[in-house]
Amino acid sequence: MATVRHAHTVWQGDLLKGSGTVSLDSSGIGSYDVSWPARSEEPNGKTSPEELIAAAHSSCFSMALSHGLAGAGNPPTRLETKADVTFQPGEGITGIHLTVRGEVPGLDADGFRAAAEDAKKNCPVSQALSGTTITLDAELA
């Protein structure tokens, strides 16, 4: 059965001087201030669409990798994934770099890298962002 998740943003003002608040409605876990400077300069306590994409991508990738490893008989003890989303004003999102470090008993480095590449290719967020270059560094702890 399909699921739908909800968020909404209230924006006030123009792009450069305005600001907004994005609310995570489905989970109810919070509302976060957003602004153009948080995208193009320093965050200064505010978030950006790119940070939210990074959060979505790192969590989706971790879930996909965990599932793939367990399905192959090597469930991970721990995965730590970082997603770096690069935003270039005037161009948009120009790339995403995933870095994962894993503790996976019984698996060698090549096996881990292969599983990570598969997760990068097949996690739903990677697929949704397939028009963007996605790179990966994967290593065992």
Protein backbone atom coordinates (compact mmCIF):
# COMPACT_ATOMS: atom_id res chain seq x y z
CA MET A 1 0.00 0.00 0.00
CA ALA A 2 1.34 3.42 -0.94
CA THR A 3 2.01 6.02 1.72
CA VAL A 4 1.92 9.80 1.41
CA ARG A 5 3.90 12.11 3.67
CA HIS A 6 3.14 15.79 4.12
CA ALA A 7 5.11 18.95 4.74
CA HIS A 8 4.28 22.55 4.04
CA THR A 9 6.06 25.89 3.92
CA VAL A 10 4.81 29.37 4.66
CA TRP A 11 6.99 31.99 2.92
CA GLN A 12 6.87 35.74 3.51
CA GLY A 13 8.54 38.34 1.34
CA ASP A 14 10.70 38.13 -1.74
CA LEU A 15 13.40 35.53 -2.38
CA LEU A 16 16.44 37.43 -1.18
CA LYS A 17 15.06 39.19 1.90
CA GLY A 18 12.12 36.96 2.75
CA SER A 19 12.02 33.87 4.90
CA GLY A 20 9.77 30.98 5.67
CA THR A 21 9.02 28.06 7.90
CA VAL A 22 8.82 24.47 6.71
CA SER A 23 6.69 22.17 8.86
CA LEU A 24 7.02 18.39 8.88
CA ASP A 25 3.31 17.64 9.10
CA SER A 26 3.16 13.85 8.89
CA SER A 27 5.52 13.22 11.77
CA GLY A 28 4.74 16.39 13.67
CA ILE A 29 8.36 16.55 14.82
CA GLY A 30 8.87 20.19 14.12
CA SER A 31 8.97 23.33 12.08
CA TYR A 32 12.18 24.82 10.74
CA ASP A 33 13.08 28.29 9.48
CA VAL A 34 14.29 28.55 5.87
CA SER A 35 15.81 31.43 3.92
CA TRP A 36 17.77 32.24 0.78
CA PRO A 37 20.96 33.02 2.74
CA ALA A 38 20.69 29.56 4.35
CA ARG A 39 20.88 28.16 0.80
CA SER A 40 23.51 30.40 -0.70
CA GLU A 41 25.63 31.66 2.20
CA GLU A 42 25.75 30.57 5.85
CA PRO A 43 22.88 28.70 7.51
CA ASN A 44 22.80 30.92 10.64
CA GLY A 45 20.40 28.59 12.40
CA LYS A 46 18.10 28.09 9.41
CA THR A 47 17.75 25.15 7.06
CA SER A 48 17.47 24.86 3.29
CA PRO A 49 15.84 22.56 0.77
CA GLU A 50 19.30 21.09 0.12
CA GLU A 51 19.82 20.21 3.79
CA LEU A 52 16.40 18.56 3.83
CA ILE A 53 17.32 16.60 0.69
CA ALA A 54 20.61 15.56 2.33
CA ALA A 55 18.68 14.27 5.35
CA ALA A 56 16.26 12.37 3.15
CA HIS A 57 19.02 10.89 1.02
CA SER A 58 21.28 9.81 3.88
CA SER A 59 18.43 8.08 5.68
CA CYS A 60 17.00 6.40 2.58
CA PHE A 61 20.44 5.18 1.48
CA SER A 62 21.16 3.80 4.98
CA MET A 63 17.86 1.90 4.97
CA ALA A 64 18.50 0.48 1.49
CA LEU A 65 22.06 -0.55 2.35
CA SER A 66 20.99 -2.14 5.63
CA HIS A 67 18.27 -4.10 3.81
CA GLY A 68 20.61 -5.24 1.05
CA LEU A 69 23.31 -6.34 3.48
CA ALA A 70 20.87 -8.26 5.66
CA GLY A 71 19.31 -9.90 2.61
CA ALA A 72 22.76 -11.10 1.55
CA GLY A 73 23.37 -12.62 4.98
CA ASN A 74 25.53 -9.82 6.41
CA PRO A 75 23.34 -7.59 8.56
CA PRO A 76 25.20 -4.46 9.60
CA THR A 77 25.94 -3.60 13.20
CA ARG A 78 26.12 0.10 12.37
CA LEU A 79 26.01 2.38 9.34
CA GLU A 80 26.86 6.07 9.38
CA THR A 81 25.97 7.93 6.21
CA LYS A 82 26.64 11.55 5.34
CA ALA A 83 25.10 13.25 2.31
CA ASP A 84 26.63 16.45 0.92
CA VAL A 85 24.29 18.27 -1.46
CA THR A 86 25.97 20.98 -3.53
CA PHE A 87 23.82 23.96 -4.53
CA GLN A 88 25.08 26.54 -7.02
CA PRO A 89 22.93 29.69 -7.22
CA GLY A 90 21.75 30.15 -10.78
CA GLU A 91 22.34 26.47 -11.61
CA GLY A 92 20.62 24.50 -8.85
CA ILE A 93 21.75 21.26 -7.26
CA THR A 94 24.94 20.26 -9.05
CA GLY A 95 25.80 17.06 -7.20
CA ILE A 96 25.35 14.83 -4.20
CA HIS A 97 28.16 12.98 -2.47
CA LEU A 98 27.39 10.10 -0.12
CA THR A 99 29.94 8.89 2.41
CA VAL A 100 29.18 5.73 4.37
CA ARG A 101 31.17 3.98 7.02
CA GLY A 102 29.89 0.63 8.16
CA GLU A 103 30.41 -2.07 10.72
CA VAL A 104 29.44 -5.31 9.00
CA PRO A 105 30.75 -8.52 10.56
CA GLY A 106 31.88 -11.12 8.03
CA LEU A 107 32.03 -8.78 5.02
CA ASP A 108 35.18 -7.58 3.24
CA ALA A 109 35.76 -4.09 1.84
CA ASP A 110 34.94 -5.05 -1.76
CA GLY A 111 31.67 -6.65 -0.71
CA PHE A 112 30.75 -3.58 1.29
CA ARG A 113 31.53 -1.21 -1.60
CA ALA A 114 29.46 -3.35 -3.99
CA ALA A 115 26.50 -3.36 -1.59
CA ALA A 116 26.83 0.42 -1.12
CA GLU A 117 26.88 1.01 -4.89
CA ASP A 118 23.73 -1.09 -5.23
CA ALA A 119 22.01 0.91 -2.47
CA LYS A 120 23.08 4.18 -4.12
CA LYS A 121 21.55 3.05 -7.39
CA ASN A 122 18.34 1.60 -5.97
CA CYS A 123 17.26 3.64 -2.94
CA PRO A 124 14.06 5.54 -3.80
CA VAL A 125 15.59 8.95 -3.08
CA SER A 126 18.56 8.23 -5.37
CA GLN A 127 16.10 7.22 -8.05
CA ALA A 128 14.07 10.40 -7.54
CA LEU A 129 17.28 12.43 -7.88
CA SER A 130 18.62 10.47 -10.86
CA GLY A 131 19.07 13.64 -12.91
CA THR A 132 21.80 14.70 -10.48
CA THR A 133 25.32 13.26 -10.32
CA ILE A 134 25.58 11.11 -7.19
CA THR A 135 29.01 9.95 -6.02
CA LEU A 136 29.91 7.58 -3.21
CA ASP A 137 32.72 6.75 -0.79
CA ALA A 138 32.17 3.53 1.18
CA GLU A 139 34.44 1.94 3.75
CA LEU A 140 34.26 -0.51 6.58
CA ALA A 141 35.01 0.78 10.06
